[in-house]
Amino acid sequence: MSNYQIETKCVQSGWHPKKGEPRILPIYQSTTFKYDTSDQMGRLFDLEDNGYFYTRLQNPTNDTVAQKICDMEGGVAAMLTSSGQAANYYAVFNICEAGDHMICSSAVYGGTFNLFQATVKKQGISCTFVDPDASLEELAAAFQPNTKLLFAETLANPALVVLDIEKFAEAAHSHGVPLIVDNTFPTPVNCRPIAWGADIVTHSTTKYMDGHAMCVGGCIVDSGNFDWDQHKDKFPGLTSPDPTYHGIIYTEKFGKGAYITKATAQVMRDLGSIQSPQNAFLLNVGLETLHLRMARHCENAQKVAEYLDAHEKVAWVNYAGLAHNKYHALAEKYMPHGTCGVISFGLKGGRDVSVGFMDKLNLIAIVTHVADARTCVLHPASHTHRQMTDEQLKEAGVAPDLIRLSIGIEHADDIIADLEQAMEAV
């Protein structure tokens, strides 16, 4: 499907039924798959043949949806995970082990920050956080001899920093490591990081891709562009024999599919955060309308951002669609058709006023979720980022008064009316 536009890929990629097969992707709700001989199954366990034998490793429904997302991102291989957190963890753990080091943008989702700052540290993987606006020279200073990757979000949650993908890709590649980016907020409809130099792309499919707050999920897409063999000493897991599969070398046996094959056959085998076929089916339904919904999210968000920007009770608004926004030029470069439906802003009077304002909303719900069809709101410092210190909040671009407003696909006038009545009450 590489020759088709993104709108067509949303609808048609992945499932290509043959004569007499279902037109709609089926749910292969089975843990196991039958074979006629022991040798047939044995070859699957040795990675000598392609096929399905246990859903924790592969499932036809999951693989079809992963292929659709892969087509949308312009990659060569992809896999689904049970959540976006699992996707980010697997993407890193697939090439990092105890004693290794990674670099991450400080402007990332609070759960991702905690994963890399605290949890992987317990496994012996250290992480240095860098300012996403740092110069190439400042980024270079963060690299160490044991650095294995550079990680960032294309559009940070909730700071809404627009990543200079080319700059981060240059920094990573000049030090012989891949750039991994989380592209959850823009989705491939609005940004395709691989085209700008990213090597691996992750997603929380729970957000816009699903679009209806029905199922949790994640995805990892490999561009196939990073040459692991050129840096053999850095990535022995991919370039040296795997004793758990009779000594196969992933790069030799699977070529451009080495990274995803290892993530599936080794990491998923041992850790098991697979997405259920039912959730993959629902995700596919969401993907079919992603291109339509993203356009409406961005259209509504632009109107709401302009309303907030002109309101006397609003202290500040952060939305890259506003011409005066710090990241407007980068957004025009990397996301010319819009960023996403998420806006951050603060009210005059500080944190307490912002929290009180949220309690007065009627149509707009206070929920942990973000980026679905319904408009919702959250106070990150009190909720998603409450485990972070004031200094860490500052580094992540999360002000104490920051309100994360996720604009849905309702009528913009109704969203604005609810905001207005809450403004009048504070």
Protein backbone atom coordinates (compact mmCIF):
# COMPACT_ATOMS: atom_id res chain seq x y z
CA MET A 1 0.00 0.00 0.00
CA SER A 2 3.05 2.29 -0.13
CA ASN A 3 1.78 4.15 -3.21
CA TYR A 4 -1.52 5.14 -1.62
CA GLN A 5 -2.36 8.29 0.35
CA ILE A 6 -2.71 8.16 4.14
CA GLU A 7 -6.52 8.33 3.94
CA THR A 8 -6.62 5.17 1.82
CA LYS A 9 -4.14 3.40 4.10
CA CYS A 10 -6.36 4.14 7.12
CA VAL A 11 -9.20 2.28 5.44
CA GLN A 12 -7.57 -0.35 3.23
CA SER A 13 -4.14 -1.31 4.61
CA GLY A 14 -3.54 -4.53 6.49
CA TRP A 15 -6.43 -6.84 5.62
CA HIS A 16 -6.60 -8.00 1.98
CA PRO A 17 -9.16 -10.81 1.80
CA LYS A 18 -8.94 -13.48 -0.86
CA LYS A 19 -11.85 -15.06 -2.69
CA GLY A 20 -14.54 -16.12 -0.25
CA GLU A 21 -12.87 -14.59 2.82
CA PRO A 22 -14.59 -12.02 5.09
CA ARG A 23 -14.46 -8.46 3.77
CA ILE A 24 -14.09 -7.19 7.35
CA LEU A 25 -11.06 -8.21 9.41
CA PRO A 26 -12.03 -11.23 11.55
CA ILE A 27 -11.22 -11.60 15.22
CA TYR A 28 -8.98 -14.64 15.61
CA GLN A 29 -10.06 -15.27 19.18
CA SER A 30 -7.85 -18.27 19.75
CA THR A 31 -4.82 -18.81 21.94
CA THR A 32 -3.47 -21.65 19.78
CA PHE A 33 -3.25 -22.78 16.14
CA LYS A 34 -3.23 -26.37 14.78
CA TYR A 35 -0.51 -28.09 12.75
CA ASP A 36 -0.40 -31.53 11.16
CA THR A 37 3.05 -32.64 12.28
CA SER A 38 5.40 -32.08 15.17
CA ASP A 39 8.11 -30.95 12.76
CA GLN A 40 5.89 -28.17 11.41
CA MET A 41 5.43 -26.72 14.86
CA GLY A 42 9.05 -27.27 15.81
CA ARG A 43 10.20 -25.17 12.87
CA LEU A 44 8.01 -22.32 14.12
CA PHE A 45 9.62 -22.48 17.55
CA ASP A 46 13.04 -22.35 15.88
CA LEU A 47 12.02 -19.29 13.80
CA GLU A 48 12.64 -21.34 10.66
CA ASP A 49 9.10 -20.90 9.31
CA ASN A 50 6.52 -18.12 9.46
CA GLY A 51 3.17 -18.91 11.00
CA TYR A 52 1.00 -18.80 14.09
CA PHE A 53 1.16 -21.13 17.04
CA TYR A 54 0.49 -19.09 20.19
CA THR A 55 -1.19 -15.69 20.45
CA ARG A 56 1.27 -14.34 23.02
CA LEU A 57 3.77 -14.20 20.16
CA GLN A 58 1.64 -13.61 17.10
CA ASN A 59 -2.02 -13.49 16.10
CA PRO A 60 -3.49 -12.85 12.63
CA THR A 61 -5.79 -10.07 13.81
CA ASN A 62 -2.98 -8.31 15.65
CA ASP A 63 -0.52 -8.68 12.80
CA THR A 64 -3.00 -7.28 10.30
CA VAL A 65 -3.58 -4.15 12.39
CA ALA A 66 0.14 -3.77 13.06
CA GLN A 67 0.74 -3.91 9.31
CA LYS A 68 -1.82 -1.14 8.76
CA ILE A 69 -0.06 1.14 11.25
CA CYS A 70 3.27 0.17 9.69
CA ASP A 71 1.98 1.22 6.25
CA MET A 72 0.67 4.48 7.67
CA GLU A 73 4.05 5.32 9.25
CA GLY A 74 6.10 4.17 6.27
CA GLY A 75 7.96 1.43 8.16
CA VAL A 76 8.99 -2.11 7.29
CA ALA A 77 7.67 -4.03 10.31
CA ALA A 78 5.50 -3.42 13.38
CA MET A 79 4.05 -5.14 16.42
CA LEU A 80 1.16 -4.42 18.78
CA THR A 81 1.50 -4.32 22.56
CA SER A 82 -1.02 -4.24 25.38
CA SER A 83 -0.47 -0.52 26.07
CA GLY A 84 1.54 2.51 25.03
CA GLN A 85 3.65 2.08 28.15
CA ALA A 86 4.50 -1.46 27.06
CA ALA A 87 5.38 -0.19 23.59
CA ASN A 88 7.84 2.37 24.95
CA TYR A 89 9.34 -0.11 27.39
CA TYR A 90 9.76 -2.83 24.78
CA ALA A 91 11.19 -0.38 22.24
CA VAL A 92 13.94 0.51 24.72
CA PHE A 93 14.45 -2.88 26.39
CA ASN A 94 14.83 -4.55 22.98
CA ILE A 95 18.23 -2.87 22.59
CA CYS A 96 19.21 -1.93 26.16
CA GLU A 97 20.39 -4.11 29.03
CA ALA A 98 21.99 -3.67 32.44
CA GLY A 99 24.93 -1.29 32.23
CA ASP A 100 23.56 0.64 29.26
CA HIS A 101 22.59 4.29 29.06
CA MET A 102 19.84 6.13 27.20
CA ILE A 103 18.92 9.76 26.60
CA CYS A 104 15.36 11.08 26.73
CA SER A 105 13.73 14.43 26.15
CA SER A 106 12.56 15.88 29.46
CA ALA A 107 9.25 16.91 27.85
CA VAL A 108 7.45 13.58 27.82
CA TYR A 109 4.34 12.04 29.35
CA GLY A 110 4.65 11.64 33.12
CA GLY A 111 4.33 7.86 32.98
CA THR A 112 7.11 7.69 30.40
CA PHE A 113 9.31 9.95 32.52
CA ASN A 114 8.78 7.72 35.53
CA LEU A 115 9.45 4.58 33.48
CA PHE A 116 12.83 5.85 32.34
CA GLN A 117 13.78 7.80 35.45
CA ALA A 118 12.92 5.14 38.02
CA THR A 119 11.82 1.75 36.72
CA VAL A 120 14.46 0.94 34.08
CA LYS A 121 17.04 2.26 36.56
CA LYS A 122 16.20 -0.76 38.73
CA GLN A 123 17.21 -2.94 35.77
CA GLY A 124 20.58 -1.24 35.48
CA ILE A 125 19.71 1.10 32.60
CA SER A 126 20.52 4.74 33.31
CA CYS A 127 18.81 7.70 31.64
CA THR A 128 19.85 11.31 31.09
CA PHE A 129 17.05 13.79 30.44
CA VAL A 130 17.71 16.66 28.04
CA ASP A 131 15.88 19.84 27.12
CA PRO A 132 14.06 19.21 23.81
CA ASP A 133 15.09 22.71 22.75
CA ALA A 134 18.78 21.98 23.42
CA SER A 135 21.30 22.72 20.70
CA LEU A 136 23.16 19.97 18.86
CA GLU A 137 26.20 20.73 20.99
CA GLU A 138 24.19 20.40 24.21
CA LEU A 139 22.64 17.15 23.01
CA ALA A 140 26.08 15.78 22.11
CA ALA A 141 27.29 16.45 25.64
CA ALA A 142 24.68 14.03 27.02
CA PHE A 143 26.03 11.02 25.11
CA GLN A 144 28.21 8.46 26.87
CA PRO A 145 30.21 5.51 25.50
CA ASN A 146 27.41 3.15 26.60
CA THR A 147 24.50 5.23 25.21
CA LYS A 148 22.19 3.04 23.13
CA LEU A 149 19.37 5.34 22.02
CA LEU A 150 17.78 8.79 22.02
CA PHE A 151 14.06 8.98 22.87
CA ALA A 152 11.54 11.81 22.51
CA GLU A 153 7.90 12.59 21.73
CA THR A 154 7.02 14.29 18.45
CA LEU A 155 4.42 16.34 20.32
CA ALA A 156 4.94 16.22 24.07
CA ASN A 157 2.15 15.28 26.45
CA PRO A 158 1.10 17.65 28.03
CA ALA A 159 3.77 20.32 27.40
CA LEU A 160 2.96 20.30 23.64
CA VAL A 161 6.61 20.85 22.73
CA VAL A 162 7.05 20.20 19.01
CA LEU A 163 10.17 18.11 18.53
CA ASP A 164 12.78 19.16 16.00
CA ILE A 165 12.97 15.62 14.62
CA GLU A 166 15.81 16.29 12.18
CA LYS A 167 17.98 17.79 14.92
CA PHE A 168 17.41 14.84 17.26
CA ALA A 169 17.99 12.37 14.40
CA GLU A 170 21.28 14.07 13.56
CA ALA A 171 22.37 13.92 17.21
CA ALA A 172 21.49 10.23 17.47
CA HIS A 173 23.02 9.13 14.19
CA SER A 174 26.24 11.06 14.71
CA HIS A 175 26.74 8.90 17.82
CA GLY A 176 25.74 5.63 16.17
CA VAL A 177 22.41 5.10 17.93
CA PRO A 178 18.77 5.11 16.78
CA LEU A 179 16.20 7.80 17.41
CA ILE A 180 12.99 6.44 18.93
CA VAL A 181 9.99 8.76 18.92
CA ASP A 182 6.54 8.46 20.42
CA ASN A 183 4.14 9.78 17.77
CA THR A 184 0.91 9.33 19.76
CA PHE A 185 -0.49 12.86 19.64
CA PRO A 186 -0.02 13.80 15.96
CA THR A 187 -0.56 10.23 14.68
CA PRO A 188 0.79 9.39 11.20
CA VAL A 189 -2.08 11.41 9.73
CA ASN A 190 -0.39 14.62 10.85
CA CYS A 191 3.26 13.60 11.24
CA ARG A 192 5.39 10.77 9.86
CA PRO A 193 8.66 10.91 11.81
CA ILE A 194 10.43 8.26 9.71
CA ALA A 195 10.42 10.68 6.78
CA TRP A 196 12.39 13.11 8.97
CA GLY A 197 15.00 10.65 10.22
CA ALA A 198 13.40 8.76 13.11
CA ASP A 199 14.33 5.07 13.22
CA ILE A 200 11.65 3.60 15.47
CA VAL A 201 8.18 4.98 16.17
CA THR A 202 5.94 4.10 19.10
CA HIS A 203 2.28 4.79 19.79
CA SER A 204 -0.22 4.61 22.55
CA THR A 205 -3.01 3.38 20.29
CA THR A 206 -5.31 4.02 23.26
CA LYS A 207 -5.50 7.66 22.17
CA TYR A 208 -6.48 9.02 18.75
CA MET A 209 -5.92 5.76 16.88
CA ASP A 210 -8.65 4.00 18.85
CA GLY A 211 -10.44 7.31 19.19
CA HIS A 212 -13.34 6.13 21.32
CA ALA A 213 -11.77 5.30 24.70
CA MET A 214 -12.71 1.65 24.26
CA CYS A 215 -9.41 -0.22 24.45
CA VAL A 216 -5.87 0.20 25.73
CA GLY A 217 -3.04 -0.64 23.36
CA GLY A 218 0.34 0.24 21.91
CA CYS A 219 2.40 -0.22 18.78
CA ILE A 220 6.07 -0.22 17.75
CA VAL A 221 7.06 0.49 14.13
CA ASP A 222 10.56 -0.06 12.77
CA SER A 223 11.68 2.04 9.81
CA GLY A 224 14.23 -0.57 8.76
CA ASN A 225 16.69 2.26 8.16
CA PHE A 226 19.08 1.89 11.08
CA ASP A 227 22.10 -0.26 10.27
CA TRP A 228 22.57 -2.37 13.39
CA ASP A 229 25.51 -4.28 11.88
CA GLN A 230 27.42 -1.05 11.36
CA HIS A 231 27.44 -0.71 15.17
CA LYS A 232 27.74 -4.39 16.17
CA ASP A 233 29.48 -3.72 19.45
CA LYS A 234 26.66 -1.46 20.63
CA PHE A 235 23.83 -3.87 19.85
CA PRO A 236 24.95 -7.44 20.60
CA GLY A 237 21.35 -8.54 21.16
CA LEU A 238 20.70 -8.06 17.46
CA THR A 239 24.13 -8.79 15.98
CA SER A 240 25.42 -11.76 18.02
CA PRO A 241 24.00 -15.28 18.52
CA ASP A 242 20.85 -15.69 20.61
CA PRO A 243 21.34 -18.83 22.70
CA THR A 244 17.58 -19.11 23.29
CA TYR A 245 17.07 -19.77 19.55
CA HIS A 246 20.02 -22.08 18.82
CA GLY A 247 22.37 -19.20 18.16
CA ILE A 248 20.55 -17.32 15.41
CA ILE A 249 21.75 -13.79 14.67
CA TYR A 250 18.74 -11.56 14.06
CA THR A 251 20.37 -9.15 11.63
CA GLU A 252 21.76 -12.00 9.52
CA LYS A 253 18.57 -14.05 9.45
CA PHE A 254 15.89 -11.34 9.27
CA GLY A 255 17.60 -8.32 7.71
CA LYS A 256 15.40 -5.24 7.97
CA GLY A 257 12.95 -7.24 10.08
CA ALA A 258 15.55 -7.98 12.76
CA TYR A 259 14.43 -5.42 15.36
CA ILE A 260 10.72 -6.32 15.36
CA THR A 261 11.45 -10.06 15.10
CA LYS A 262 13.62 -9.87 18.22
CA ALA A 263 11.04 -7.75 20.04
CA THR A 264 8.37 -10.34 19.25
CA ALA A 265 10.28 -13.61 19.52
CA GLN A 266 12.32 -12.68 22.58
CA VAL A 267 10.90 -9.72 24.52
CA MET A 268 7.22 -10.49 23.99
CA ARG A 269 7.91 -14.19 24.54
CA ASP A 270 9.37 -13.48 27.97
CA LEU A 271 7.35 -10.48 29.17
CA GLY A 272 4.05 -11.11 27.43
CA SER A 273 2.33 -7.72 27.13
CA ILE A 274 0.39 -8.73 24.04
CA GLN A 275 -2.67 -6.85 22.82
CA SER A 276 -5.83 -8.96 22.78
CA PRO A 277 -7.32 -9.79 19.35
CA GLN A 278 -10.60 -8.19 20.44
CA ASN A 279 -8.81 -4.90 21.21
CA ALA A 280 -6.90 -5.07 17.93
CA PHE A 281 -10.22 -5.46 16.09
CA LEU A 282 -11.66 -2.40 17.83
CA LEU A 283 -8.47 -0.47 17.14
CA ASN A 284 -8.80 -1.26 13.44
CA VAL A 285 -12.33 0.16 13.44
CA GLY A 286 -10.95 3.37 14.94
CA LEU A 287 -8.13 3.57 12.41
CA GLU A 288 -10.60 3.53 9.52
CA THR A 289 -11.87 7.00 10.50
CA LEU A 290 -8.64 8.42 11.96
CA HIS A 291 -8.03 10.76 9.03
CA LEU A 292 -11.54 12.19 9.35
CA ARG A 293 -11.40 12.61 13.13
CA MET A 294 -7.95 14.21 13.26
CA ALA A 295 -9.06 16.93 10.87
CA ARG A 296 -12.06 17.72 13.10
CA HIS A 297 -10.01 17.57 16.31
CA CYS A 298 -7.57 20.11 14.85
CA GLU A 299 -10.28 22.36 13.45
CA ASN A 300 -12.10 22.48 16.79
CA ALA A 301 -8.89 22.92 18.77
CA GLN A 302 -7.84 25.88 16.66
CA LYS A 303 -11.18 27.62 17.37
CA VAL A 304 -10.99 26.88 21.10
CA ALA A 305 -7.34 27.98 21.31
CA GLU A 306 -8.22 31.30 19.67
CA TYR A 307 -11.13 31.75 22.08
CA LEU A 308 -8.93 31.07 25.11
CA ASP A 309 -6.13 33.26 23.77
CA ALA A 310 -8.51 36.25 23.67
CA HIS A 311 -10.16 35.64 27.07
CA GLU A 312 -9.40 38.11 29.85
CA LYS A 313 -9.27 35.43 32.55
CA VAL A 314 -6.74 33.27 30.72
CA ALA A 315 -3.10 33.83 31.68
CA TRP A 316 -1.54 31.86 28.84
CA VAL A 317 -2.34 29.36 26.07
CA ASN A 318 -0.04 26.79 24.52
CA TYR A 319 -1.15 25.52 21.12
CA ALA A 320 1.18 25.36 18.15
CA GLY A 321 -1.61 26.42 15.79
CA LEU A 322 -1.45 29.95 17.22
CA ALA A 323 0.85 32.16 15.16
CA HIS A 324 2.62 33.56 18.24
CA ASN A 325 3.34 30.11 19.70
CA LYS A 326 6.97 29.25 20.31
CA TYR A 327 6.66 26.05 18.27
CA HIS A 328 4.49 27.38 15.45
CA ALA A 329 7.30 27.28 12.86
CA LEU A 330 8.31 23.72 13.78
CA ALA A 331 4.67 22.66 13.65
CA GLU A 332 4.34 24.18 10.19
CA LYS A 333 7.38 22.17 9.12
CA TYR A 334 6.60 18.78 10.63
CA MET A 335 2.80 18.93 11.00
CA PRO A 336 1.51 21.29 8.29
CA HIS A 337 -2.04 19.87 8.42
CA GLY A 338 -2.40 20.36 12.18
CA THR A 339 -0.92 19.00 15.38
CA CYS A 340 -3.71 17.42 17.42
CA GLY A 341 -6.71 18.37 19.54
CA VAL A 342 -4.87 18.94 22.81
CA ILE A 343 -4.44 22.45 24.24
CA SER A 344 -2.75 23.47 27.46
CA PHE A 345 -3.53 26.73 29.25
CA GLY A 346 -3.62 28.38 32.65
CA LEU A 347 -5.93 30.87 34.31
CA LYS A 348 -5.03 34.08 36.09
CA GLY A 349 -4.89 33.34 39.80
CA GLY A 350 -2.79 30.21 39.54
CA ARG A 351 -3.24 26.57 40.40
CA ASP A 352 -6.25 26.80 42.72
CA VAL A 353 -8.25 28.88 40.24
CA SER A 354 -7.42 26.47 37.40
CA VAL A 355 -8.54 23.47 39.46
CA GLY A 356 -11.72 25.27 40.57
CA PHE A 357 -12.52 26.13 36.96
CA MET A 358 -12.38 22.47 35.95
CA ASP A 359 -14.90 21.56 38.64
CA LYS A 360 -17.44 23.95 37.05
CA LEU A 361 -17.44 22.28 33.62
CA ASN A 362 -20.54 20.37 32.52
CA LEU A 363 -20.11 19.02 29.00
CA ILE A 364 -16.37 18.61 29.40
CA ALA A 365 -15.46 15.71 31.70
CA ILE A 366 -12.52 15.39 34.09
CA VAL A 367 -10.93 12.09 33.13
CA THR A 368 -7.48 10.52 33.05
CA HIS A 369 -7.85 9.81 29.37
CA VAL A 370 -6.94 12.12 26.51
CA ALA A 371 -7.40 12.23 22.74
CA ASP A 372 -10.73 10.61 22.00
CA ALA A 373 -14.00 11.73 20.45
CA ARG A 374 -15.23 13.47 23.62
CA THR A 375 -13.79 16.68 25.00
CA CYS A 376 -12.12 16.11 28.35
CA VAL A 377 -9.84 17.92 30.78
CA LEU A 378 -7.11 17.11 33.30
CA HIS A 379 -4.78 18.91 35.72
CA PRO A 380 -1.44 17.12 35.15
CA ALA A 381 0.32 18.42 38.27
CA SER A 382 -2.48 16.87 40.38
CA HIS A 383 -3.04 13.79 38.25
CA THR A 384 -0.78 12.24 35.57
CA HIS A 385 2.39 14.01 36.77
CA ARG A 386 1.74 14.13 40.53
CA GLN A 387 4.66 11.76 41.23
CA MET A 388 7.11 14.38 39.90
CA THR A 389 8.87 16.99 42.00
CA ASP A 390 8.43 20.72 41.31
CA GLU A 391 11.83 20.73 39.59
CA GLN A 392 10.91 17.75 37.44
CA LEU A 393 7.59 19.37 36.56
CA LYS A 394 9.48 22.46 35.45
CA GLU A 395 11.85 20.39 33.29
CA ALA A 396 8.89 18.61 31.71
CA GLY A 397 7.20 21.91 30.89
CA VAL A 398 4.30 21.27 33.27
CA ALA A 399 3.36 24.45 35.10
CA PRO A 400 1.39 24.16 38.38
CA ASP A 401 -1.59 25.91 36.79
CA LEU A 402 -1.47 23.92 33.53
CA ILE A 403 -4.83 22.57 32.35
CA ARG A 404 -4.70 19.89 29.66
CA LEU A 405 -7.79 20.28 27.49
CA SER A 406 -8.41 17.56 24.93
CA ILE A 407 -10.82 18.83 22.30
CA GLY A 408 -13.23 16.28 20.88
CA ILE A 409 -15.26 16.16 17.69
CA GLU A 410 -18.44 17.77 19.08
CA HIS A 411 -19.56 21.15 17.73
CA ALA A 412 -16.95 23.76 18.63
CA ASP A 413 -19.62 26.26 19.75
CA ASP A 414 -20.89 23.86 22.41
CA ILE A 415 -17.38 23.26 23.72
CA ILE A 416 -16.72 27.00 23.91
CA ALA A 417 -20.05 27.62 25.62
CA ASP A 418 -19.18 25.17 28.38
CA LEU A 419 -15.79 26.82 28.85
CA GLU A 420 -17.44 30.21 29.00
CA GLN A 421 -19.95 29.30 31.70
CA ALA A 422 -17.14 27.80 33.81
CA MET A 423 -15.08 30.97 33.30
CA GLU A 424 -17.96 33.06 34.60
CA ALA A 425 -18.13 30.90 37.73
CA VAL A 426 -14.50 31.52 38.81
